[in-house]
Amino acid sequence: MTAPESALVDLPRNYLRPCLLLVLAEGTSHGYELLEQVAALGFDHVDPGGLYRCLRAMDSEGLVRSTWEPSTSGPARRTYELTDEGREWLHVVAGSLAEVARSLTTYRRRYQQVVGAAEAVR
């Protein structure tokens, strides 16, 4: 039996934003590095256009700061760093994600009990 596509659950909406803030809290980075780093946080595929739109929005909101970094081996590239406001937002969203994690843990525990009880009956 194959589950209907509508039954599949994905990462939380706007999960890219806290992931970007987290990797930027680890250090200044540029777009391509950020694509690789957020992929390691659970994204199967990150749309580069969506990533850059998100970064531009966060820049205009004051959560990140971008600057052009000259390169000796190619074109200049835009680098991003976390602002103080972005760091505050990171702490708030981390607390919110902790609540989501607790809810998911409770769900998973109850699911395992249901499956365990069904297997015991067999």
PDB file of N, CA and C in Angstrom:
ATOM      1  N   MET A   1       0.850  -1.183   0.000  1.00  0.00           N
ATOM      2  CA  MET A   1       0.000   0.000   0.000  1.00  0.00           C
ATOM      3  C   MET A   1       0.889   1.237   0.000  1.00  0.00           C
ATOM      4  N   THR A   2       0.630   2.138  -0.907  1.00  0.00           N
ATOM      5  CA  THR A   2       1.390   3.368  -1.005  1.00  0.00           C
ATOM      6  C   THR A   2       0.582   4.502  -0.381  1.00  0.00           C
ATOM      7  N   ALA A   3       1.239   5.278   0.458  1.00  0.00           N
ATOM      8  CA  ALA A   3       0.554   6.402   1.103  1.00  0.00           C
ATOM      9  C   ALA A   3       0.255   7.480   0.063  1.00  0.00           C
ATOM     10  N   PRO A   4      -0.918   8.096   0.147  1.00  0.00           N
ATOM     11  CA  PRO A   4      -1.212   9.194  -0.776  1.00  0.00           C
ATOM     12  C   PRO A   4      -0.259  10.354  -0.523  1.00  0.00           C
ATOM     13  N   GLU A   5       0.052  11.056  -1.599  1.00  0.00           N
ATOM     14  CA  GLU A   5       0.996  12.178  -1.484  1.00  0.00           C
ATOM     15  C   GLU A   5       0.520  13.218  -0.470  1.00  0.00           C
ATOM     16  N   SER A   6      -0.782  13.372  -0.323  1.00  0.00           N
ATOM     17  CA  SER A   6      -1.318  14.348   0.627  1.00  0.00           C
ATOM     18  C   SER A   6      -1.041  13.961   2.075  1.00  0.00           C
ATOM     19  N   ALA A   7      -0.660  12.700   2.325  1.00  0.00           N
ATOM     20  CA  ALA A   7      -0.376  12.246   3.688  1.00  0.00           C
ATOM     21  C   ALA A   7       1.062  12.537   4.104  1.00  0.00           C
ATOM     22  N   LEU A   8       1.906  12.897   3.151  1.00  0.00           N
ATOM     23  CA  LEU A   8       3.313  13.144   3.461  1.00  0.00           C
ATOM     24  C   LEU A   8       3.478  14.498   4.140  1.00  0.00           C
ATOM     25  N   VAL A   9       4.313  14.523   5.161  1.00  0.00           N
ATOM     26  CA  VAL A   9       4.553  15.742   5.925  1.00  0.00           C
ATOM     27  C   VAL A   9       5.957  16.221   5.609  1.00  0.00           C
ATOM     28  N   ASP A  10       6.105  17.519   5.446  1.00  0.00           N
ATOM     29  CA  ASP A  10       7.388  18.099   5.077  1.00  0.00           C
ATOM     30  C   ASP A  10       7.918  18.948   6.224  1.00  0.00           C
ATOM     31  N   LEU A  11       9.073  19.523   6.009  1.00  0.00           N
ATOM     32  CA  LEU A  11       9.655  20.432   6.998  1.00  0.00           C
ATOM     33  C   LEU A  11       8.717  21.618   7.212  1.00  0.00           C
ATOM     34  N   PRO A  12       8.814  22.272   8.369  1.00  0.00           N
ATOM     35  CA  PRO A  12       7.937  23.423   8.620  1.00  0.00           C
ATOM     36  C   PRO A  12       8.109  24.496   7.554  1.00  0.00           C
ATOM     37  N   ARG A  13       7.006  25.170   7.263  1.00  0.00           N
ATOM     38  CA  ARG A  13       7.047  26.293   6.335  1.00  0.00           C
ATOM     39  C   ARG A  13       8.027  27.327   6.887  1.00  0.00           C
ATOM     40  N   ASN A  14       8.774  27.956   6.044  1.00  0.00           N
ATOM     41  CA  ASN A  14       9.773  28.958   6.424  1.00  0.00           C
ATOM     42  C   ASN A  14      10.949  28.371   7.209  1.00  0.00           C
ATOM     43  N   TYR A  15      11.178  27.074   7.124  1.00  0.00           N
ATOM     44  CA  TYR A  15      12.300  26.448   7.821  1.00  0.00           C
ATOM     45  C   TYR A  15      13.642  26.928   7.269  1.00  0.00           C
ATOM     46  N   LEU A  16      13.645  27.395   6.038  1.00  0.00           N
ATOM     47  CA  LEU A  16      14.885  27.897   5.438  1.00  0.00           C
ATOM     48  C   LEU A  16      15.434  29.088   6.209  1.00  0.00           C
ATOM     49  N   ARG A  17      14.575  29.972   6.665  1.00  0.00           N
ATOM     50  CA  ARG A  17      15.025  31.173   7.388  1.00  0.00           C
ATOM     51  C   ARG A  17      15.812  30.834   8.653  1.00  0.00           C
ATOM     52  N   PRO A  18      15.268  30.002   9.556  1.00  0.00           N
ATOM     53  CA  PRO A  18      16.069  29.686  10.741  1.00  0.00           C
ATOM     54  C   PRO A  18      17.346  28.921  10.399  1.00  0.00           C
ATOM     55  N   CYS A  19      17.299  28.106   9.341  1.00  0.00           N
ATOM     56  CA  CYS A  19      18.512  27.386   8.940  1.00  0.00           C
ATOM     57  C   CYS A  19      19.580  28.360   8.462  1.00  0.00           C
ATOM     58  N   LEU A  20      19.189  29.341   7.678  1.00  0.00           N
ATOM     59  CA  LEU A  20      20.149  30.338   7.209  1.00  0.00           C
ATOM     60  C   LEU A  20      20.718  31.132   8.379  1.00  0.00           C
ATOM     61  N   LEU A  21      19.869  31.505   9.314  1.00  0.00           N
ATOM     62  CA  LEU A  21      20.361  32.251  10.473  1.00  0.00           C
ATOM     63  C   LEU A  21      21.329  31.404  11.294  1.00  0.00           C
ATOM     64  N   LEU A  22      21.039  30.130  11.420  1.00  0.00           N
ATOM     65  CA  LEU A  22      21.924  29.248  12.183  1.00  0.00           C
ATOM     66  C   LEU A  22      23.292  29.123  11.521  1.00  0.00           C
ATOM     67  N   VAL A  23      23.319  28.855  10.225  1.00  0.00           N
ATOM     68  CA  VAL A  23      24.625  28.692   9.577  1.00  0.00           C
ATOM     69  C   VAL A  23      25.382  30.011   9.529  1.00  0.00           C
ATOM     70  N   LEU A  24      24.672  31.127   9.450  1.00  0.00           N
ATOM     71  CA  LEU A  24      25.360  32.424   9.489  1.00  0.00           C
ATOM     72  C   LEU A  24      25.840  32.754  10.901  1.00  0.00           C
ATOM     73  N   ALA A  25      25.184  32.219  11.926  1.00  0.00           N
ATOM     74  CA  ALA A  25      25.684  32.390  13.296  1.00  0.00           C
ATOM     75  C   ALA A  25      27.007  31.646  13.460  1.00  0.00           C
ATOM     76  N   GLU A  26      27.202  30.609  12.652  1.00  0.00           N
ATOM     77  CA  GLU A  26      28.453  29.855  12.687  1.00  0.00           C
ATOM     78  C   GLU A  26      29.578  30.589  11.967  1.00  0.00           C
ATOM     79  N   GLY A  27      29.223  31.524  11.089  1.00  0.00           N
ATOM     80  CA  GLY A  27      30.245  32.316  10.403  1.00  0.00           C
ATOM     81  C   GLY A  27      29.737  32.910   9.106  1.00  0.00           C
ATOM     82  N   THR A  28      30.406  33.956   8.663  1.00  0.00           N
ATOM     83  CA  THR A  28      30.082  34.630   7.406  1.00  0.00           C
ATOM     84  C   THR A  28      30.213  33.635   6.256  1.00  0.00           C
ATOM     85  N   SER A  29      29.325  33.752   5.281  1.00  0.00           N
ATOM     86  CA  SER A  29      29.335  32.795   4.177  1.00  0.00           C
ATOM     87  C   SER A  29      28.782  33.459   2.928  1.00  0.00           C
ATOM     88  N   HIS A  30      28.950  32.798   1.801  1.00  0.00           N
ATOM     89  CA  HIS A  30      28.356  33.287   0.557  1.00  0.00           C
ATOM     90  C   HIS A  30      27.333  32.269   0.057  1.00  0.00           C
ATOM     91  N   GLY A  31      26.594  32.644  -0.965  1.00  0.00           N
ATOM     92  CA  GLY A  31      25.444  31.870  -1.416  1.00  0.00           C
ATOM     93  C   GLY A  31      25.681  30.400  -1.666  1.00  0.00           C
ATOM     94  N   TYR A  32      26.715  30.050  -2.441  1.00  0.00           N
ATOM     95  CA  TYR A  32      26.934  28.636  -2.753  1.00  0.00           C
ATOM     96  C   TYR A  32      27.238  27.833  -1.494  1.00  0.00           C
ATOM     97  N   GLU A  33      28.041  28.375  -0.609  1.00  0.00           N
ATOM     98  CA  GLU A  33      28.326  27.679   0.659  1.00  0.00           C
ATOM     99  C   GLU A  33      27.044  27.508   1.467  1.00  0.00           C
ATOM    100  N   LEU A  34      26.202  28.535   1.464  1.00  0.00           N
ATOM    101  CA  LEU A  34      24.948  28.459   2.204  1.00  0.00           C
ATOM    102  C   LEU A  34      24.040  27.366   1.644  1.00  0.00           C
ATOM    103  N   LEU A  35      24.023  27.202   0.325  1.00  0.00           N
ATOM    104  CA  LEU A  35      23.235  26.127  -0.282  1.00  0.00           C
ATOM    105  C   LEU A  35      23.670  24.772   0.270  1.00  0.00           C
ATOM    106  N   GLU A  36      24.960  24.550   0.342  1.00  0.00           N
ATOM    107  CA  GLU A  36      25.481  23.281   0.854  1.00  0.00           C
ATOM    108  C   GLU A  36      25.180  23.113   2.342  1.00  0.00           C
ATOM    109  N   GLN A  37      25.321  24.191   3.104  1.00  0.00           N
ATOM    110  CA  GLN A  37      25.140  24.099   4.552  1.00  0.00           C
ATOM    111  C   GLN A  37      23.688  23.847   4.935  1.00  0.00           C
ATOM    112  N   VAL A  38      22.733  24.490   4.263  1.00  0.00           N
ATOM    113  CA  VAL A  38      21.331  24.248   4.617  1.00  0.00           C
ATOM    114  C   VAL A  38      20.882  22.880   4.137  1.00  0.00           C
ATOM    115  N   ALA A  39      21.483  22.362   3.084  1.00  0.00           N
ATOM    116  CA  ALA A  39      21.158  21.008   2.642  1.00  0.00           C
ATOM    117  C   ALA A  39      21.485  20.004   3.744  1.00  0.00           C
ATOM    118  N   ALA A  40      22.545  20.271   4.493  1.00  0.00           N
ATOM    119  CA  ALA A  40      22.941  19.380   5.590  1.00  0.00           C
ATOM    120  C   ALA A  40      21.967  19.452   6.767  1.00  0.00           C
ATOM    121  N   LEU A  41      21.048  20.413   6.753  1.00  0.00           N
ATOM    122  CA  LEU A  41      20.072  20.555   7.835  1.00  0.00           C
ATOM    123  C   LEU A  41      18.714  19.942   7.474  1.00  0.00           C
ATOM    124  N   GLY A  42      18.685  19.114   6.441  1.00  0.00           N
ATOM    125  CA  GLY A  42      17.465  18.370   6.165  1.00  0.00           C
ATOM    126  C   GLY A  42      16.757  18.691   4.865  1.00  0.00           C
ATOM    127  N   PHE A  43      17.251  19.610   4.080  1.00  0.00           N
ATOM    128  CA  PHE A  43      16.607  19.918   2.810  1.00  0.00           C
ATOM    129  C   PHE A  43      17.054  18.929   1.743  1.00  0.00           C
ATOM    130  N   ASP A  44      16.096  18.266   1.087  1.00  0.00           N
ATOM    131  CA  ASP A  44      16.441  17.363  -0.009  1.00  0.00           C
ATOM    132  C   ASP A  44      16.954  18.156  -1.201  1.00  0.00           C
ATOM    133  N   HIS A  45      16.312  19.264  -1.467  1.00  0.00           N
ATOM    134  CA  HIS A  45      16.701  20.121  -2.582  1.00  0.00           C
ATOM    135  C   HIS A  45      16.404  21.557  -2.196  1.00  0.00           C
ATOM    136  N   VAL A  46      17.386  22.404  -2.350  1.00  0.00           N
ATOM    137  CA  VAL A  46      17.195  23.822  -2.072  1.00  0.00           C
ATOM    138  C   VAL A  46      17.230  24.554  -3.405  1.00  0.00           C
ATOM    139  N   ASP A  47      16.168  25.281  -3.699  1.00  0.00           N
ATOM    140  CA  ASP A  47      16.105  26.085  -4.907  1.00  0.00           C
ATOM    141  C   ASP A  47      17.016  27.293  -4.725  1.00  0.00           C
ATOM    142  N   PRO A  48      18.064  27.431  -5.540  1.00  0.00           N
ATOM    143  CA  PRO A  48      18.974  28.578  -5.377  1.00  0.00           C
ATOM    144  C   PRO A  48      18.246  29.923  -5.453  1.00  0.00           C
ATOM    145  N   GLY A  49      17.275  30.033  -6.360  1.00  0.00           N
ATOM    146  CA  GLY A  49      16.523  31.282  -6.470  1.00  0.00           C
ATOM    147  C   GLY A  49      15.771  31.597  -5.185  1.00  0.00           C
ATOM    148  N   GLY A  50      15.166  30.575  -4.594  1.00  0.00           N
ATOM    149  CA  GLY A  50      14.444  30.763  -3.335  1.00  0.00           C
ATOM    150  C   GLY A  50      15.384  31.138  -2.200  1.00  0.00           C
ATOM    151  N   LEU A  51      16.569  30.529  -2.191  1.00  0.00           N
ATOM    152  CA  LEU A  51      17.551  30.853  -1.161  1.00  0.00           C
ATOM    153  C   LEU A  51      17.964  32.317  -1.263  1.00  0.00           C
ATOM    154  N   TYR A  52      18.254  32.779  -2.486  1.00  0.00           N
ATOM    155  CA  TYR A  52      18.674  34.170  -2.651  1.00  0.00           C
ATOM    156  C   TYR A  52      17.536  35.151  -2.364  1.00  0.00           C
ATOM    157  N   ARG A  53      16.306  34.780  -2.718  1.00  0.00           N
ATOM    158  CA  ARG A  53      15.157  35.647  -2.375  1.00  0.00           C
ATOM    159  C   ARG A  53      15.022  35.763  -0.862  1.00  0.00           C
ATOM    160  N   CYS A  54      15.194  34.643  -0.171  1.00  0.00           N
ATOM    161  CA  CYS A  54      15.103  34.634   1.286  1.00  0.00           C
ATOM    162  C   CYS A  54      16.209  35.504   1.889  1.00  0.00           C
ATOM    163  N   LEU A  55      17.424  35.374   1.375  1.00  0.00           N
ATOM    164  CA  LEU A  55      18.540  36.184   1.876  1.00  0.00           C
ATOM    165  C   LEU A  55      18.299  37.674   1.643  1.00  0.00           C
ATOM    166  N   ARG A  56      17.785  38.030   0.465  1.00  0.00           N
ATOM    167  CA  ARG A  56      17.498  39.447   0.182  1.00  0.00           C
ATOM    168  C   ARG A  56      16.439  39.982   1.141  1.00  0.00           C
ATOM    169  N   ALA A  57      15.400  39.178   1.393  1.00  0.00           N
ATOM    170  CA  ALA A  57      14.346  39.609   2.315  1.00  0.00           C
ATOM    171  C   ALA A  57      14.913  39.781   3.721  1.00  0.00           C
ATOM    172  N   MET A  58      15.740  38.833   4.154  1.00  0.00           N
ATOM    173  CA  MET A  58      16.328  38.917   5.488  1.00  0.00           C
ATOM    174  C   MET A  58      17.287  40.100   5.586  1.00  0.00           C
ATOM    175  N   ASP A  59      17.949  40.421   4.486  1.00  0.00           N
ATOM    176  CA  ASP A  59      18.837  41.591   4.452  1.00  0.00           C
ATOM    177  C   ASP A  59      18.012  42.873   4.610  1.00  0.00           C
ATOM    178  N   SER A  60      16.905  42.961   3.879  1.00  0.00           N
ATOM    179  CA  SER A  60      16.079  44.163   3.973  1.00  0.00           C
ATOM    180  C   SER A  60      15.397  44.287   5.335  1.00  0.00           C
ATOM    181  N   GLU A  61      15.196  43.156   6.023  1.00  0.00           N
ATOM    182  CA  GLU A  61      14.600  43.162   7.365  1.00  0.00           C
ATOM    183  C   GLU A  61      15.637  43.415   8.459  1.00  0.00           C
ATOM    184  N   GLY A  62      16.907  43.455   8.079  1.00  0.00           N
ATOM    185  CA  GLY A  62      17.958  43.716   9.062  1.00  0.00           C
ATOM    186  C   GLY A  62      18.432  42.494   9.830  1.00  0.00           C
ATOM    187  N   LEU A  63      18.061  41.302   9.369  1.00  0.00           N
ATOM    188  CA  LEU A  63      18.482  40.082  10.059  1.00  0.00           C
ATOM    189  C   LEU A  63      19.880  39.639   9.637  1.00  0.00           C
ATOM    190  N   VAL A  64      20.222  39.934   8.385  1.00  0.00           N
ATOM    191  CA  VAL A  64      21.562  39.658   7.876  1.00  0.00           C
ATOM    192  C   VAL A  64      22.079  40.912   7.187  1.00  0.00           C
ATOM    193  N   ARG A  65      23.373  40.946   7.000  1.00  0.00           N
ATOM    194  CA  ARG A  65      24.022  42.054   6.288  1.00  0.00           C
ATOM    195  C   ARG A  65      24.827  41.435   5.161  1.00  0.00           C
ATOM    196  N   SER A  66      24.723  42.012   3.972  1.00  0.00           N
ATOM    197  CA  SER A  66      25.488  41.484   2.848  1.00  0.00           C
ATOM    198  C   SER A  66      26.469  42.530   2.343  1.00  0.00           C
ATOM    199  N   THR A  67      27.598  42.048   1.880  1.00  0.00           N
ATOM    200  CA  THR A  67      28.629  42.908   1.285  1.00  0.00           C
ATOM    201  C   THR A  67      29.237  42.171   0.102  1.00  0.00           C
ATOM    202  N   TRP A  68      29.780  42.928  -0.815  1.00  0.00           N
ATOM    203  CA  TRP A  68      30.472  42.332  -1.951  1.00  0.00           C
ATOM    204  C   TRP A  68      31.923  42.107  -1.567  1.00  0.00           C
ATOM    205  N   GLU A  69      32.394  40.908  -1.814  1.00  0.00           N
ATOM    206  CA  GLU A  69      33.772  40.545  -1.495  1.00  0.00           C
ATOM    207  C   GLU A  69      34.538  40.355  -2.803  1.00  0.00           C
ATOM    208  N   PRO A  70      35.569  41.168  -3.050  1.00  0.00           N
ATOM    209  CA  PRO A  70      36.336  40.985  -4.291  1.00  0.00           C
ATOM    210  C   PRO A  70      37.079  39.649  -4.281  1.00  0.00           C
ATOM    211  N   SER A  71      37.328  39.133  -5.457  1.00  0.00           N
ATOM    212  CA  SER A  71      38.029  37.853  -5.579  1.00  0.00           C
ATOM    213  C   SER A  71      39.183  38.008  -6.558  1.00  0.00           C
ATOM    214  N   THR A  72      40.292  37.384  -6.260  1.00  0.00           N
ATOM    215  CA  THR A  72      41.437  37.433  -7.165  1.00  0.00           C
ATOM    216  C   THR A  72      41.315  36.395  -8.271  1.00  0.00           C
ATOM    217  N   SER A  73      40.449  35.398  -8.093  1.00  0.00           N
ATOM    218  CA  SER A  73      40.345  34.316  -9.069  1.00  0.00           C
ATOM    219  C   SER A  73      39.013  34.287  -9.820  1.00  0.00           C
ATOM    220  N   GLY A  74      38.220  35.330  -9.720  1.00  0.00           N
ATOM    221  CA  GLY A  74      36.930  35.343 -10.393  1.00  0.00           C
ATOM    222  C   GLY A  74      36.147  36.584 -10.021  1.00  0.00           C
ATOM    223  N   PRO A  75      34.861  36.565 -10.337  1.00  0.00           N
ATOM    224  CA  PRO A  75      34.042  37.741 -10.022  1.00  0.00           C
ATOM    225  C   PRO A  75      33.837  37.904  -8.514  1.00  0.00           C
ATOM    226  N   ALA A  76      33.525  39.124  -8.130  1.00  0.00           N
ATOM    227  CA  ALA A  76      33.209  39.390  -6.720  1.00  0.00           C
ATOM    228  C   ALA A  76      31.986  38.561  -6.338  1.00  0.00           C
ATOM    229  N   ARG A  77      31.901  38.231  -5.073  1.00  0.00           N
ATOM    230  CA  ARG A  77      30.742  37.479  -4.602  1.00  0.00           C
ATOM    231  C   ARG A  77      30.177  38.151  -3.369  1.00  0.00           C
ATOM    232  N   ARG A  78      28.864  37.983  -3.219  1.00  0.00           N
ATOM    233  CA  ARG A  78      28.172  38.580  -2.087  1.00  0.00           C
ATOM    234  C   ARG A  78      28.313  37.657  -0.888  1.00  0.00           C
ATOM    235  N   THR A  79      28.769  38.205   0.215  1.00  0.00           N
ATOM    236  CA  THR A  79      28.865  37.427   1.445  1.00  0.00           C
ATOM    237  C   THR A  79      27.823  37.944   2.430  1.00  0.00           C
ATOM    238  N   TYR A  80      27.402  37.063   3.296  1.00  0.00           N
ATOM    239  CA  TYR A  80      26.345  37.367   4.256  1.00  0.00           C
ATOM    240  C   TYR A  80      26.852  37.120   5.664  1.00  0.00           C
ATOM    241  N   GLU A  81      26.424  37.986   6.575  1.00  0.00           N
ATOM    242  CA  GLU A  81      26.739  37.796   7.982  1.00  0.00           C
ATOM    243  C   GLU A  81      25.504  38.108   8.811  1.00  0.00           C
ATOM    244  N   LEU A  82      25.436  37.511   9.977  1.00  0.00           N
ATOM    245  CA  LEU A  82      24.310  37.683  10.880  1.00  0.00           C
ATOM    246  C   LEU A  82      24.442  39.012  11.616  1.00  0.00           C
ATOM    247  N   THR A  83      23.347  39.737  11.742  1.00  0.00           N
ATOM    248  CA  THR A  83      23.335  40.974  12.523  1.00  0.00           C
ATOM    249  C   THR A  83      22.914  40.657  13.961  1.00  0.00           C
ATOM    250  N   ASP A  84      23.013  41.634  14.833  1.00  0.00           N
ATOM    251  CA  ASP A  84      22.554  41.436  16.214  1.00  0.00           C
ATOM    252  C   ASP A  84      21.064  41.109  16.243  1.00  0.00           C
ATOM    253  N   GLU A  85      20.291  41.795  15.397  1.00  0.00           N
ATOM    254  CA  GLU A  85      18.849  41.518  15.329  1.00  0.00           C
ATOM    255  C   GLU A  85      18.592  40.089  14.828  1.00  0.00           C
ATOM    256  N   GLY A  86      19.390  39.651  13.866  1.00  0.00           N
ATOM    257  CA  GLY A  86      19.274  38.285  13.364  1.00  0.00           C
ATOM    258  C   GLY A  86      19.602  37.254  14.440  1.00  0.00           C
ATOM    259  N   ARG A  87      20.582  37.563  15.271  1.00  0.00           N
ATOM    260  CA  ARG A  87      20.957  36.655  16.363  1.00  0.00           C
ATOM    261  C   ARG A  87      19.811  36.560  17.375  1.00  0.00           C
ATOM    262  N   GLU A  88      19.156  37.680  17.673  1.00  0.00           N
ATOM    263  CA  GLU A  88      17.999  37.654  18.579  1.00  0.00           C
ATOM    264  C   GLU A  88      16.873  36.808  17.980  1.00  0.00           C
ATOM    265  N   TRP A  89      16.625  36.986  16.683  1.00  0.00           N
ATOM    266  CA  TRP A  89      15.575  36.234  16.014  1.00  0.00           C
ATOM    267  C   TRP A  89      15.917  34.756  16.039  1.00  0.00           C
ATOM    268  N   LEU A  90      17.184  34.406  15.858  1.00  0.00           N
ATOM    269  CA  LEU A  90      17.627  33.013  15.907  1.00  0.00           C
ATOM    270  C   LEU A  90      17.272  32.367  17.240  1.00  0.00           C
ATOM    271  N   HIS A  91      17.490  33.090  18.340  1.00  0.00           N
ATOM    272  CA  HIS A  91      17.161  32.546  19.665  1.00  0.00           C
ATOM    273  C   HIS A  91      15.660  32.313  19.814  1.00  0.00           C
ATOM    274  N   VAL A  92      14.873  33.238  19.307  1.00  0.00           N
ATOM    275  CA  VAL A  92      13.411  33.102  19.400  1.00  0.00           C
ATOM    276  C   VAL A  92      12.929  31.902  18.595  1.00  0.00           C
ATOM    277  N   VAL A  93      13.414  31.778  17.368  1.00  0.00           N
ATOM    278  CA  VAL A  93      12.953  30.673  16.520  1.00  0.00           C
ATOM    279  C   VAL A  93      13.471  29.336  17.039  1.00  0.00           C
ATOM    280  N   ALA A  94      14.638  29.315  17.656  1.00  0.00           N
ATOM    281  CA  ALA A  94      15.145  28.061  18.239  1.00  0.00           C
ATOM    282  C   ALA A  94      14.218  27.589  19.359  1.00  0.00           C
ATOM    283  N   GLY A  95      13.714  28.515  20.144  1.00  0.00           N
ATOM    284  CA  GLY A  95      12.745  28.156  21.185  1.00  0.00           C
ATOM    285  C   GLY A  95      11.463  27.614  20.591  1.00  0.00           C
ATOM    286  N   SER A  96      11.003  28.228  19.521  1.00  0.00           N
ATOM    287  CA  SER A  96       9.790  27.775  18.850  1.00  0.00           C
ATOM    288  C   SER A  96       9.986  26.382  18.252  1.00  0.00           C
ATOM    289  N   LEU A  97      11.145  26.152  17.630  1.00  0.00           N
ATOM    290  CA  LEU A  97      11.420  24.833  17.056  1.00  0.00           C
ATOM    291  C   LEU A  97      11.569  23.768  18.143  1.00  0.00           C
ATOM    292  N   ALA A  98      12.031  24.161  19.328  1.00  0.00           N
ATOM    293  CA  ALA A  98      12.117  23.214  20.443  1.00  0.00           C
ATOM    294  C   ALA A  98      10.717  22.745  20.833  1.00  0.00           C
ATOM    295  N   GLU A  99       9.748  23.648  20.799  1.00  0.00           N
ATOM    296  CA  GLU A  99       8.360  23.270  21.090  1.00  0.00           C
ATOM    297  C   GLU A  99       7.835  22.300  20.030  1.00  0.00           C
ATOM    298  N   VAL A 100       8.141  22.571  18.773  1.00  0.00           N
ATOM    299  CA  VAL A 100       7.729  21.679  17.693  1.00  0.00           C
ATOM    300  C   VAL A 100       8.368  20.306  17.888  1.00  0.00           C
ATOM    301  N   ALA A 101       9.637  20.285  18.255  1.00  0.00           N
ATOM    302  CA  ALA A 101      10.346  19.014  18.475  1.00  0.00           C
ATOM    303  C   ALA A 101       9.696  18.219  19.606  1.00  0.00           C
ATOM    304  N   ARG A 102       9.291  18.899  20.673  1.00  0.00           N
ATOM    305  CA  ARG A 102       8.618  18.201  21.775  1.00  0.00           C
ATOM    306  C   ARG A 102       7.299  17.590  21.305  1.00  0.00           C
ATOM    307  N   SER A 103       6.560  18.337  20.506  1.00  0.00           N
ATOM    308  CA  SER A 103       5.293  17.813  19.984  1.00  0.00           C
ATOM    309  C   SER A 103       5.531  16.606  19.092  1.00  0.00           C
ATOM    310  N   LEU A 104       6.549  16.668  18.247  1.00  0.00           N
ATOM    311  CA  LEU A 104       6.858  15.546  17.362  1.00  0.00           C
ATOM    312  C   LEU A 104       7.325  14.328  18.147  1.00  0.00           C
ATOM    313  N   THR A 105       8.071  14.549  19.209  1.00  0.00           N
ATOM    314  CA  THR A 105       8.519  13.449  20.052  1.00  0.00           C
ATOM    315  C   THR A 105       7.322  12.772  20.714  1.00  0.00           C
ATOM    316  N   THR A 106       6.382  13.550  21.202  1.00  0.00           N
ATOM    317  CA  THR A 106       5.172  13.001  21.812  1.00  0.00           C
ATOM    318  C   THR A 106       4.382  12.198  20.788  1.00  0.00           C
ATOM    319  N   TYR A 107       4.235  12.751  19.591  1.00  0.00           N
ATOM    320  CA  TYR A 107       3.519  12.047  18.524  1.00  0.00           C
ATOM    321  C   TYR A 107       4.203  10.720  18.221  1.00  0.00           C
ATOM    322  N   ARG A 108       5.503  10.764  18.031  1.00  0.00           N
ATOM    323  CA  ARG A 108       6.263   9.560  17.682  1.00  0.00           C
ATOM    324  C   ARG A 108       6.155   8.492  18.780  1.00  0.00           C
ATOM    325  N   ARG A 109       6.227   8.904  20.033  1.00  0.00           N
ATOM    326  CA  ARG A 109       6.113   7.972  21.161  1.00  0.00           C
ATOM    327  C   ARG A 109       4.741   7.296  21.153  1.00  0.00           C
ATOM    328  N   ARG A 110       3.693   8.077  20.960  1.00  0.00           N
ATOM    329  CA  ARG A 110       2.342   7.508  20.950  1.00  0.00           C
ATOM    330  C   ARG A 110       2.142   6.591  19.754  1.00  0.00           C
ATOM    331  N   TYR A 111       2.706   6.973  18.620  1.00  0.00           N
ATOM    332  CA  TYR A 111       2.623   6.129  17.431  1.00  0.00           C
ATOM    333  C   TYR A 111       3.294   4.784  17.697  1.00  0.00           C
ATOM    334  N   GLN A 112       4.450   4.801  18.297  1.00  0.00           N
ATOM    335  CA  GLN A 112       5.163   3.554  18.601  1.00  0.00           C
ATOM    336  C   GLN A 112       4.371   2.682  19.566  1.00  0.00           C
ATOM    337  N   GLN A 113       3.648   3.303  20.498  1.00  0.00           N
ATOM    338  CA  GLN A 113       2.801   2.532  21.411  1.00  0.00           C
ATOM    339  C   GLN A 113       1.671   1.851  20.644  1.00  0.00           C
ATOM    340  N   VAL A 114       1.059   2.574  19.723  1.00  0.00           N
ATOM    341  CA  VAL A 114      -0.032   2.002  18.922  1.00  0.00           C
ATOM    342  C   VAL A 114       0.487   0.840  18.089  1.00  0.00           C
ATOM    343  N   VAL A 115       1.622   1.038  17.429  1.00  0.00           N
ATOM    344  CA  VAL A 115       2.194  -0.029  16.600  1.00  0.00           C
ATOM    345  C   VAL A 115       2.602  -1.206  17.470  1.00  0.00           C
ATOM    346  N   GLY A 116       3.201  -0.939  18.616  1.00  0.00           N
ATOM    347  CA  GLY A 116       3.604  -2.012  19.527  1.00  0.00           C
ATOM    348  C   GLY A 116       2.414  -2.801  20.018  1.00  0.00           C
ATOM    349  N   ALA A 117       1.324  -2.116  20.336  1.00  0.00           N
ATOM    350  CA  ALA A 117       0.119  -2.811  20.809  1.00  0.00           C
ATOM    351  C   ALA A 117      -0.482  -3.665  19.688  1.00  0.00           C
ATOM    352  N   ALA A 118      -0.478  -3.186  18.487  1.00  0.00           N
ATOM    353  CA  ALA A 118      -1.020  -3.939  17.345  1.00  0.00           C
ATOM    354  C   ALA A 118      -0.180  -5.179  17.078  1.00  0.00           C
ATOM    355  N   GLU A 119       1.120  -5.066  17.212  1.00  0.00           N
ATOM    356  CA  GLU A 119       2.006  -6.215  16.993  1.00  0.00           C
ATOM    357  C   GLU A 119       1.854  -7.239  18.104  1.00  0.00           C
ATOM    358  N   ALA A 120       1.594  -6.773  19.319  1.00  0.00           N
ATOM    359  CA  ALA A 120       1.410  -7.694  20.447  1.00  0.00           C
ATOM    360  C   ALA A 120       0.159  -8.543  20.272  1.00  0.00           C
ATOM    361  N   VAL A 121      -0.854  -7.966  19.627  1.00  0.00           N
ATOM    362  CA  VAL A 121      -2.114  -8.674  19.396  1.00  0.00           C
ATOM    363  C   VAL A 121      -1.925  -9.784  18.361  1.00  0.00           C
ATOM    364  N   ARG A 122      -1.018  -9.579  17.414  1.00  0.00           N
ATOM    365  CA  ARG A 122      -0.791 -10.577  16.369  1.00  0.00           C
ATOM    366  C   ARG A 122      -0.228 -11.784  16.944  1.00  0.00           C
TER     367      ARG A 122
END
